[in-house]
Protein backbone atom coordinates (compact mmCIF):
# COMPACT_ATOMS: atom_id res chain seq x y z
CA MET A 1 152.36 89.96 -10.23
CA ILE A 2 153.42 86.37 -10.96
CA LYS A 3 156.47 87.56 -12.87
CA LYS A 4 157.45 89.79 -9.97
CA ILE A 5 157.26 86.88 -7.49
CA PHE A 6 159.22 84.66 -9.87
CA PHE A 7 162.05 87.18 -10.21
CA GLN A 8 162.17 87.79 -6.48
CA SER A 9 162.50 84.05 -5.79
CA ILE A 10 165.35 83.80 -8.33
CA PHE A 11 167.10 86.77 -6.68
CA PHE A 12 166.83 85.28 -3.16
CA ASN A 13 168.07 81.87 -4.35
CA PHE A 14 171.07 83.49 -5.96
CA PHE A 15 171.82 85.48 -2.79
CA PHE A 16 171.50 82.32 -0.60
CA ILE A 17 173.85 80.29 -2.87
CA LYS A 18 176.36 83.15 -2.77
CA GLU A 19 176.31 83.19 1.08
CA VAL A 20 176.82 79.39 1.26
CA PHE A 21 179.81 79.48 -1.02
CA GLY A 22 181.25 82.40 0.95
CA ALA A 23 180.90 80.45 4.26
CA GLU A 24 182.66 77.41 2.84
CA SER A 25 185.51 79.48 1.58
CA GLY A 26 186.01 81.13 4.98
CA GLY A 27 185.36 77.84 6.88
CA MET A 28 182.31 77.13 9.09
CA PRO A 29 183.27 76.63 12.76
CA GLN A 30 180.42 74.17 13.45
CA LEU A 31 181.86 71.83 10.81
CA ASN A 32 185.34 71.98 12.33
CA PRO A 33 186.07 68.85 14.50
CA GLU A 34 187.94 70.99 17.05
CA PHE A 35 184.65 72.55 18.23
CA TRP A 36 182.55 69.35 18.35
CA VAL A 37 183.21 68.62 22.02
CA SER A 38 182.17 72.05 23.16
CA GLN A 39 179.16 71.98 20.86
CA ILE A 40 178.07 68.60 22.28
CA PHE A 41 178.57 69.92 25.83
CA TRP A 42 176.50 73.03 25.26
CA LEU A 43 173.89 71.04 23.32
CA THR A 44 173.59 68.52 26.18
CA LEU A 45 173.51 71.31 28.78
CA THR A 46 170.86 73.28 26.86
CA PHE A 47 168.61 70.28 26.25
CA GLY A 48 169.16 69.08 29.83
CA ILE A 49 168.07 72.44 31.25
CA LEU A 50 165.15 72.52 28.81
CA TYR A 51 164.18 68.96 29.86
CA ILE A 52 164.38 69.85 33.55
CA VAL A 53 162.37 73.03 33.07
CA LEU A 54 159.73 71.18 31.04
CA SER A 55 159.54 68.15 33.36
CA LYS A 56 159.63 70.03 36.68
CA LEU A 57 157.79 73.29 35.92
CA ILE A 58 155.74 73.30 32.75
CA LEU A 59 154.61 69.68 32.31
CA PRO A 60 153.37 69.32 35.95
CA LYS A 61 151.23 72.45 35.52
CA ILE A 62 149.87 71.17 32.23
CA SER A 63 149.16 67.72 33.70
CA ALA A 64 147.60 69.35 36.80
CA ASN A 65 145.38 71.50 34.58
CA LEU A 66 144.45 68.43 32.54
CA GLU A 67 143.64 66.45 35.70
CA LEU A 68 141.65 69.39 37.05
CA ARG A 69 139.69 69.64 33.81
CA LYS A 70 139.20 65.89 33.76
CA SER A 71 137.92 65.90 37.34
CA ARG A 72 135.62 68.85 36.60
CA ILE A 73 134.29 67.14 33.49
CA GLN A 74 133.74 63.97 35.51
CA GLU A 75 131.97 65.94 38.24
CA ASN A 76 129.81 67.67 35.63
CA ILE A 77 128.95 64.31 34.06
CA GLU A 78 128.06 62.87 37.47
CA ALA A 79 126.00 65.97 38.34
CA ALA A 80 124.22 65.76 34.98
CA GLU A 81 123.53 62.06 35.57
CA LYS A 82 122.14 62.83 39.03
CA GLN A 83 120.01 65.61 37.55
CA ARG A 84 118.74 63.23 34.88
CA GLU A 85 117.88 60.59 37.49
CA SER A 86 116.20 63.25 39.63
CA SER A 87 114.27 64.52 36.59
CA ASP A 88 113.17 60.98 35.73
CA ALA A 89 112.03 60.46 39.33
CA LYS A 90 110.15 63.77 39.29
CA LEU A 91 108.51 62.88 35.98
CA LYS A 92 107.40 59.51 37.36
CA GLU A 93 106.12 61.24 40.50
CA TYR A 94 104.21 63.79 38.41
CA ASP A 95 102.78 61.00 36.24
CA ASN A 96 101.61 59.19 39.38
CA ILE A 97 100.08 62.41 40.75
CA ILE A 98 98.29 63.03 37.44
CA LEU A 99 97.02 59.43 37.36
CA LYS A 100 95.77 59.67 40.96
CA SER A 101 94.14 63.01 40.20
CA LYS A 102 92.35 61.51 37.19
CA LEU A 103 91.13 58.57 39.28
CA GLU A 104 89.98 60.89 42.06
CA ALA A 105 88.20 63.12 39.55
CA LYS A 106 86.45 60.08 38.05
CA ASN A 107 85.41 58.89 41.52
CA ILE A 108 84.16 62.36 42.48
CA PHE A 109 82.24 62.63 39.21
CA ARG A 110 80.74 59.15 39.68
CA TYR A 111 79.80 59.90 43.29
CA ALA A 112 78.25 63.25 42.33
CA ARG A 113 76.34 61.59 39.47
CA GLU A 114 75.01 58.87 41.74
CA LYS A 115 74.03 61.44 44.36
CA ILE A 116 72.25 63.59 41.76
CA ILE A 117 70.41 60.54 40.43
CA LYS A 118 69.37 59.58 43.98
CA ASP A 119 68.21 63.13 44.68
CA ILE A 120 66.25 63.21 41.41
CA ASN A 121 64.65 59.84 42.15
CA SER A 122 63.75 60.84 45.71
CA LYS A 123 62.29 64.15 44.51
CA LYS A 124 60.44 62.32 41.76
CA GLU A 125 58.99 59.89 44.30
CA THR A 126 57.99 62.78 46.57
CA LEU A 127 56.44 64.61 43.61
CA ASP A 128 54.60 61.45 42.51
CA LYS A 129 53.24 61.04 46.05
CA GLN A 130 52.13 64.67 46.13
CA ILE A 131 50.47 64.30 42.71
CA ASP A 132 48.72 61.11 43.85
CA GLU A 133 47.52 62.88 46.97
CA GLU A 134 46.27 65.82 44.92
CA ILE A 135 44.52 63.44 42.51
CA LYS A 136 42.90 61.63 45.43
CA LYS A 137 41.77 64.93 46.92
CA ALA A 138 40.39 66.04 43.56
CA GLU A 139 38.59 62.71 43.13
CA GLN A 140 37.14 63.03 46.63
CA GLU A 141 35.99 66.59 45.88
CA ILE A 142 34.51 65.44 42.57
CA GLY A 143 32.73 62.59 44.39
CA VAL A 144 31.34 65.00 46.95
CA LEU A 145 30.24 67.33 44.15
CA LYS A 146 28.59 64.40 42.35
CA LYS A 147 26.72 63.44 45.52
CA ASP A 148 25.66 67.01 46.26
CA ALA A 149 24.95 67.96 42.65
CA PRO A 150 21.47 66.32 42.27
CA GLU A 151 20.21 67.93 45.45
CA LYS A 152 21.54 71.34 44.39
CA ILE A 153 20.18 70.90 40.87
CA SER A 154 16.75 69.89 42.15
CA LYS A 155 16.78 72.80 44.59
CA ILE A 156 17.70 75.23 41.79
CA ALA A 157 15.07 73.63 39.52
CA ILE A 158 12.41 73.94 42.19
CA GLU A 159 13.25 77.60 42.83
CA THR A 160 13.42 78.40 39.11
CA SER A 161 10.15 76.53 38.40
CA ALA A 162 8.41 78.33 41.24
CA GLN A 163 9.52 81.67 39.85
CA LEU A 164 8.48 80.72 36.30
CA VAL A 165 5.07 79.51 37.43
CA LYS A 166 4.59 82.65 39.45
CA LYS A 167 5.44 84.77 36.41
CA LEU A 168 3.27 82.70 34.07
CA ILE A 169 0.21 82.21 36.28
CA GLY A 170 0.68 85.09 38.61
CA ALA A 171 0.09 82.90 41.67
CA GLU A 172 2.51 81.10 43.90
CA MET A 173 2.54 77.36 43.83
CA ASN A 174 3.34 75.02 46.70
CA ASN A 175 7.04 74.06 46.82
CA SER A 176 6.21 70.47 47.74
CA SER A 177 4.15 69.92 44.57
CA ILE A 178 6.88 71.56 42.43
CA SER A 179 9.44 69.39 44.18
CA ALA A 180 7.41 66.26 43.42
CA ILE A 181 7.14 67.22 39.74
CA VAL A 182 10.90 68.00 39.48
CA ASN A 183 11.82 64.72 41.23
CA ASP A 184 9.52 62.80 38.91
CA LEU A 185 11.08 64.43 35.83
CA SER A 186 14.61 63.88 37.11
CA LYS A 187 13.85 60.20 37.75
CA LYS A 188 12.48 59.79 34.24
CA ASN A 189 15.52 61.52 32.71
CA GLY A 190 17.83 59.50 34.91
CA ASP A 191 16.18 56.23 33.82
CA LYS A 192 16.43 57.37 30.20
CA TYR A 193 20.15 58.14 30.56
CA HIS A 194 20.82 54.93 32.43
CA GLY A 195 18.93 52.97 29.79
CA ASN A 196 21.09 54.47 27.07
């Protein structure tokens, strides 16, 4: 492959040299001074037309497109900057809302806690009062029972003794004498307990 390319390049170089020597022998018109004026004229005319076409038609469109792109890029940058500022403002606003919400939640929680504590304390006080009242009632009932108990006990003792005596002797005994005996025994037992 490399040999093929090498031989092709040698062949083309030989062909090009042959053409150059053939042109010199026949004479090249562009190297003849007789044609220089016309060549300069047509060169100036061609480049002048090309300059006018470029400066009046093509370059203004290119510059207009560049200005349009520049203005669009500038507008996009300004819009992005406004969006960034708006986003920063929104973020600050959201942070403030979150902070206020946290403070409000803390205040609500503190208020609810204080209210619950007050309710518990008031209910506790009410319950303590009710318990005290119940204790007082129970103490009063116990006091009444203590006062009434000796009379009831002596009455029961008298009735029981009368029935026992009746069963043992077979005759009924006077309740007043049984009552005197029971009272005497209860006094002796009471003095014995009080002495202890």
